[in-house]
Amino acid sequence: MVTERSRHQARRVAEDSWVVSYLRGRTLTTEQATAAMRTVEELASLQALTLLLGLTALEAVTLAVNESPWEKGRLGESGRRFGWSSAARPLQGAAR
């Protein structure tokens, strides 16, 4: 298995047994190897996003996992959810 977004690859070594270049020493099922390859594809997308923040993907993931979220309502808009709508309102204080 290969992906266009990474140089990592998975190789079949037996029936339903795979090894993946970044998971050395592990033998995986086909499902696990597919998940591993999808992970490196997602990582490429994550790296592009985190560059916009001036962070590495590892730094962004570490912060997102370890930092506590704000309490609900702290910004005065309790219940407002983040969305991907292109018509979303600009952030408070953001330049228009």
N, C-alpha and C. Protein backbone atom coordinates (compact mmCIF):
# COMPACT_ATOMS: atom_id res chain seq x y z
N MET A 1 0.85 -1.18 0.00
CA MET A 1 0.00 0.00 0.00
C MET A 1 0.89 1.23 0.00
N VAL A 2 0.50 2.21 -0.79
CA VAL A 2 1.22 3.48 -0.84
C VAL A 2 0.19 4.61 -0.85
N THR A 3 0.68 5.79 -0.59
CA THR A 3 -0.15 6.98 -0.64
C THR A 3 0.62 8.08 -1.36
N GLU A 4 -0.10 8.96 -2.00
CA GLU A 4 0.54 10.08 -2.70
C GLU A 4 1.04 11.15 -1.73
N ARG A 5 0.54 11.14 -0.51
CA ARG A 5 0.82 12.22 0.44
C ARG A 5 1.95 11.92 1.41
N SER A 6 2.56 10.74 1.30
CA SER A 6 3.64 10.36 2.21
C SER A 6 4.53 9.34 1.52
N ARG A 7 5.76 9.26 1.98
CA ARG A 7 6.68 8.25 1.45
C ARG A 7 6.55 6.93 2.20
N HIS A 8 5.79 6.91 3.30
CA HIS A 8 5.60 5.66 4.05
C HIS A 8 4.80 4.68 3.21
N GLN A 9 4.99 3.42 3.50
CA GLN A 9 4.29 2.37 2.77
C GLN A 9 4.02 1.17 3.66
N ALA A 10 3.07 0.36 3.22
CA ALA A 10 2.77 -0.91 3.90
C ALA A 10 3.06 -2.03 2.92
N ARG A 11 3.64 -3.11 3.42
CA ARG A 11 3.95 -4.27 2.58
C ARG A 11 3.32 -5.52 3.15
N ARG A 12 2.71 -6.28 2.28
CA ARG A 12 2.11 -7.55 2.67
C ARG A 12 3.21 -8.58 2.84
N VAL A 13 3.24 -9.25 3.99
CA VAL A 13 4.27 -10.26 4.25
C VAL A 13 3.68 -11.67 4.32
N ALA A 14 2.38 -11.80 4.45
CA ALA A 14 1.69 -13.09 4.47
C ALA A 14 0.21 -12.81 4.33
N GLU A 15 -0.61 -13.86 4.29
CA GLU A 15 -2.06 -13.69 4.21
C GLU A 15 -2.54 -12.87 5.40
N ASP A 16 -3.14 -11.70 5.14
CA ASP A 16 -3.65 -10.78 6.17
C ASP A 16 -2.58 -10.37 7.18
N SER A 17 -1.34 -10.27 6.73
CA SER A 17 -0.24 -9.80 7.59
C SER A 17 0.56 -8.74 6.83
N TRP A 18 0.70 -7.59 7.45
CA TRP A 18 1.36 -6.46 6.83
C TRP A 18 2.37 -5.86 7.79
N VAL A 19 3.39 -5.21 7.22
CA VAL A 19 4.30 -4.37 7.99
C VAL A 19 4.22 -2.97 7.39
N VAL A 20 4.36 -1.97 8.26
CA VAL A 20 4.26 -0.57 7.84
C VAL A 20 5.58 0.12 8.19
N SER A 21 6.07 0.93 7.27
CA SER A 21 7.40 1.51 7.41
C SER A 21 7.60 2.32 8.70
N TYR A 22 6.58 2.96 9.22
CA TYR A 22 6.77 3.76 10.43
C TYR A 22 6.37 3.02 11.71
N LEU A 23 5.93 1.78 11.58
CA LEU A 23 5.57 0.96 12.75
C LEU A 23 6.46 -0.28 12.78
N ARG A 24 7.73 -0.03 12.83
CA ARG A 24 8.72 -1.11 12.76
C ARG A 24 8.53 -2.11 13.89
N GLY A 25 8.68 -3.40 13.54
CA GLY A 25 8.58 -4.45 14.54
C GLY A 25 7.17 -4.93 14.80
N ARG A 26 6.18 -4.37 14.10
CA ARG A 26 4.79 -4.78 14.30
C ARG A 26 4.27 -5.45 13.04
N THR A 27 3.52 -6.50 13.23
CA THR A 27 2.81 -7.13 12.12
C THR A 27 1.34 -6.81 12.30
N LEU A 28 0.73 -6.30 11.24
CA LEU A 28 -0.64 -5.80 11.31
C LEU A 28 -1.57 -6.58 10.41
N THR A 29 -2.85 -6.52 10.71
CA THR A 29 -3.87 -7.06 9.81
C THR A 29 -4.05 -6.08 8.65
N THR A 30 -4.79 -6.51 7.65
CA THR A 30 -5.08 -5.61 6.52
C THR A 30 -5.80 -4.36 7.00
N GLU A 31 -6.76 -4.54 7.90
CA GLU A 31 -7.51 -3.39 8.43
C GLU A 31 -6.59 -2.43 9.19
N GLN A 32 -5.69 -2.96 9.99
CA GLN A 32 -4.76 -2.12 10.73
C GLN A 32 -3.78 -1.40 9.81
N ALA A 33 -3.28 -2.10 8.80
CA ALA A 33 -2.36 -1.48 7.85
C ALA A 33 -3.06 -0.35 7.08
N THR A 34 -4.31 -0.57 6.71
CA THR A 34 -5.08 0.47 6.03
C THR A 34 -5.24 1.68 6.95
N ALA A 35 -5.55 1.43 8.22
CA ALA A 35 -5.68 2.53 9.19
C ALA A 35 -4.35 3.28 9.34
N ALA A 36 -3.25 2.55 9.35
CA ALA A 36 -1.94 3.19 9.47
C ALA A 36 -1.66 4.09 8.28
N MET A 37 -2.02 3.64 7.09
CA MET A 37 -1.78 4.45 5.90
C MET A 37 -2.72 5.65 5.85
N ARG A 38 -3.95 5.46 6.29
CA ARG A 38 -4.87 6.60 6.36
C ARG A 38 -4.37 7.63 7.38
N THR A 39 -3.74 7.14 8.45
CA THR A 39 -3.18 8.04 9.46
C THR A 39 -2.12 8.95 8.86
N VAL A 40 -1.22 8.41 8.04
CA VAL A 40 -0.19 9.27 7.46
C VAL A 40 -0.79 10.25 6.46
N GLU A 41 -1.87 9.87 5.78
CA GLU A 41 -2.54 10.82 4.89
C GLU A 41 -3.15 11.97 5.69
N GLU A 42 -3.80 11.65 6.79
CA GLU A 42 -4.40 12.68 7.65
C GLU A 42 -3.31 13.56 8.26
N LEU A 43 -2.19 12.96 8.60
CA LEU A 43 -1.08 13.72 9.17
C LEU A 43 -0.59 14.78 8.19
N ALA A 44 -0.56 14.45 6.91
CA ALA A 44 -0.15 15.44 5.92
C ALA A 44 -1.09 16.64 5.92
N SER A 45 -2.39 16.40 6.04
CA SER A 45 -3.37 17.49 6.12
C SER A 45 -3.17 18.29 7.41
N LEU A 46 -2.96 17.59 8.51
CA LEU A 46 -2.75 18.25 9.79
C LEU A 46 -1.50 19.12 9.76
N GLN A 47 -0.45 18.64 9.15
CA GLN A 47 0.78 19.43 9.07
C GLN A 47 0.55 20.73 8.30
N ALA A 48 -0.23 20.68 7.24
CA ALA A 48 -0.52 21.90 6.47
C ALA A 48 -1.29 22.90 7.32
N LEU A 49 -2.25 22.42 8.11
CA LEU A 49 -3.03 23.31 8.96
C LEU A 49 -2.18 23.90 10.09
N THR A 50 -1.37 23.06 10.73
CA THR A 50 -0.60 23.56 11.87
C THR A 50 0.50 24.53 11.46
N LEU A 51 0.96 24.45 10.22
CA LEU A 51 1.93 25.45 9.73
C LEU A 51 1.32 26.85 9.78
N LEU A 52 0.02 26.95 9.52
CA LEU A 52 -0.66 28.24 9.60
C LEU A 52 -0.66 28.81 11.01
N LEU A 53 -0.54 27.93 12.00
CA LEU A 53 -0.50 28.34 13.40
C LEU A 53 0.92 28.58 13.91
N GLY A 54 1.89 28.27 13.08
CA GLY A 54 3.28 28.39 13.51
C GLY A 54 3.69 27.25 14.43
N LEU A 55 2.99 26.12 14.32
CA LEU A 55 3.28 24.96 15.16
C LEU A 55 3.58 23.75 14.29
N THR A 56 4.24 22.77 14.89
CA THR A 56 4.36 21.48 14.23
C THR A 56 3.09 20.70 14.54
N ALA A 57 2.85 19.65 13.79
CA ALA A 57 1.68 18.80 14.06
C ALA A 57 1.78 18.21 15.47
N LEU A 58 2.97 17.80 15.87
CA LEU A 58 3.16 17.23 17.21
C LEU A 58 2.84 18.25 18.29
N GLU A 59 3.29 19.49 18.11
CA GLU A 59 2.99 20.54 19.09
C GLU A 59 1.49 20.79 19.19
N ALA A 60 0.81 20.89 18.05
CA ALA A 60 -0.63 21.15 18.05
C ALA A 60 -1.41 20.02 18.70
N VAL A 61 -1.07 18.78 18.39
CA VAL A 61 -1.76 17.63 18.99
C VAL A 61 -1.51 17.60 20.49
N THR A 62 -0.28 17.83 20.92
CA THR A 62 0.04 17.83 22.34
C THR A 62 -0.76 18.90 23.08
N LEU A 63 -0.83 20.09 22.52
CA LEU A 63 -1.60 21.16 23.16
C LEU A 63 -3.09 20.83 23.19
N ALA A 64 -3.63 20.33 22.09
CA ALA A 64 -5.06 20.02 22.03
C ALA A 64 -5.44 18.92 23.02
N VAL A 65 -4.54 17.97 23.24
CA VAL A 65 -4.83 16.87 24.16
C VAL A 65 -4.63 17.28 25.61
N ASN A 66 -3.62 18.09 25.89
CA ASN A 66 -3.25 18.38 27.27
C ASN A 66 -3.84 19.66 27.87
N GLU A 67 -4.19 20.64 27.05
CA GLU A 67 -4.71 21.89 27.58
C GLU A 67 -6.20 21.76 27.90
N SER A 68 -6.61 22.31 29.02
CA SER A 68 -8.02 22.28 29.40
C SER A 68 -8.81 23.28 28.56
N PRO A 69 -10.01 22.89 28.12
CA PRO A 69 -10.85 23.84 27.37
C PRO A 69 -11.39 24.92 28.31
N TRP A 70 -11.82 26.03 27.73
CA TRP A 70 -12.45 27.07 28.53
C TRP A 70 -13.78 26.57 29.04
N GLU A 71 -14.24 27.21 30.12
CA GLU A 71 -15.56 26.88 30.63
C GLU A 71 -16.61 27.40 29.66
N LYS A 72 -17.75 26.73 29.59
CA LYS A 72 -18.84 27.17 28.72
C LYS A 72 -19.25 28.58 29.13
N GLY A 73 -19.51 29.41 28.12
CA GLY A 73 -19.99 30.76 28.37
C GLY A 73 -18.90 31.76 28.68
N ARG A 74 -17.68 31.35 28.75
CA ARG A 74 -16.59 32.26 29.09
C ARG A 74 -16.48 33.42 28.12
N LEU A 75 -16.77 33.17 26.85
CA LEU A 75 -16.68 34.23 25.84
C LEU A 75 -18.02 34.92 25.61
N GLY A 76 -19.00 34.61 26.45
CA GLY A 76 -20.29 35.28 26.34
C GLY A 76 -21.21 34.68 25.30
N GLU A 77 -20.87 33.56 24.73
CA GLU A 77 -21.72 32.94 23.72
C GLU A 77 -21.89 31.46 24.05
N SER A 78 -22.47 31.17 25.23
CA SER A 78 -22.64 29.77 25.60
C SER A 78 -23.54 29.08 24.59
N GLY A 79 -23.20 27.87 24.27
CA GLY A 79 -23.99 27.09 23.34
C GLY A 79 -23.59 27.24 21.88
N ARG A 80 -22.80 28.22 21.53
CA ARG A 80 -22.37 28.39 20.13
C ARG A 80 -21.35 27.32 19.79
N ARG A 81 -21.54 26.67 18.70
CA ARG A 81 -20.66 25.59 18.29
C ARG A 81 -19.85 26.01 17.06
N PHE A 82 -18.64 25.49 16.98
CA PHE A 82 -17.78 25.75 15.83
C PHE A 82 -18.34 24.98 14.64
N GLY A 83 -18.35 25.61 13.49
CA GLY A 83 -18.83 24.93 12.29
C GLY A 83 -17.92 25.23 11.12
N TRP A 84 -18.08 24.46 10.07
CA TRP A 84 -17.25 24.61 8.89
C TRP A 84 -17.94 25.41 7.81
N SER A 85 -19.06 26.04 8.13
CA SER A 85 -19.83 26.79 7.14
C SER A 85 -19.01 27.94 6.58
N SER A 86 -19.06 28.10 5.28
CA SER A 86 -18.33 29.21 4.66
C SER A 86 -19.01 30.55 4.98
N ALA A 87 -20.25 30.50 5.46
CA ALA A 87 -20.97 31.72 5.81
C ALA A 87 -20.88 32.02 7.29
N ALA A 88 -19.93 31.39 7.98
CA ALA A 88 -19.80 31.58 9.43
C ALA A 88 -19.44 33.02 9.75
N ARG A 89 -19.90 33.46 10.91
CA ARG A 89 -19.59 34.81 11.37
C ARG A 89 -18.10 34.92 11.65
N PRO A 90 -17.50 36.12 11.47
CA PRO A 90 -16.09 36.28 11.83
C PRO A 90 -15.95 36.19 13.35
N LEU A 91 -14.78 35.80 13.81
CA LEU A 91 -14.52 35.74 15.23
C LEU A 91 -14.61 37.11 15.84
N GLN A 92 -15.00 37.19 17.11
CA GLN A 92 -15.05 38.45 17.81
C GLN A 92 -13.66 39.09 17.82
N GLY A 93 -13.57 40.33 17.48
CA GLY A 93 -12.31 41.04 17.46
C GLY A 93 -11.50 40.83 16.21
N ALA A 94 -11.97 40.00 15.30
CA ALA A 94 -11.23 39.76 14.05
C ALA A 94 -11.46 40.91 13.08
N ALA A 95 -10.45 41.20 12.30
CA ALA A 95 -10.58 42.25 11.28
C ALA A 95 -11.57 41.82 10.23
N ARG A 96 -12.34 42.75 9.74
CA ARG A 96 -13.34 42.45 8.70
C ARG A 96 -12.90 42.93 7.37
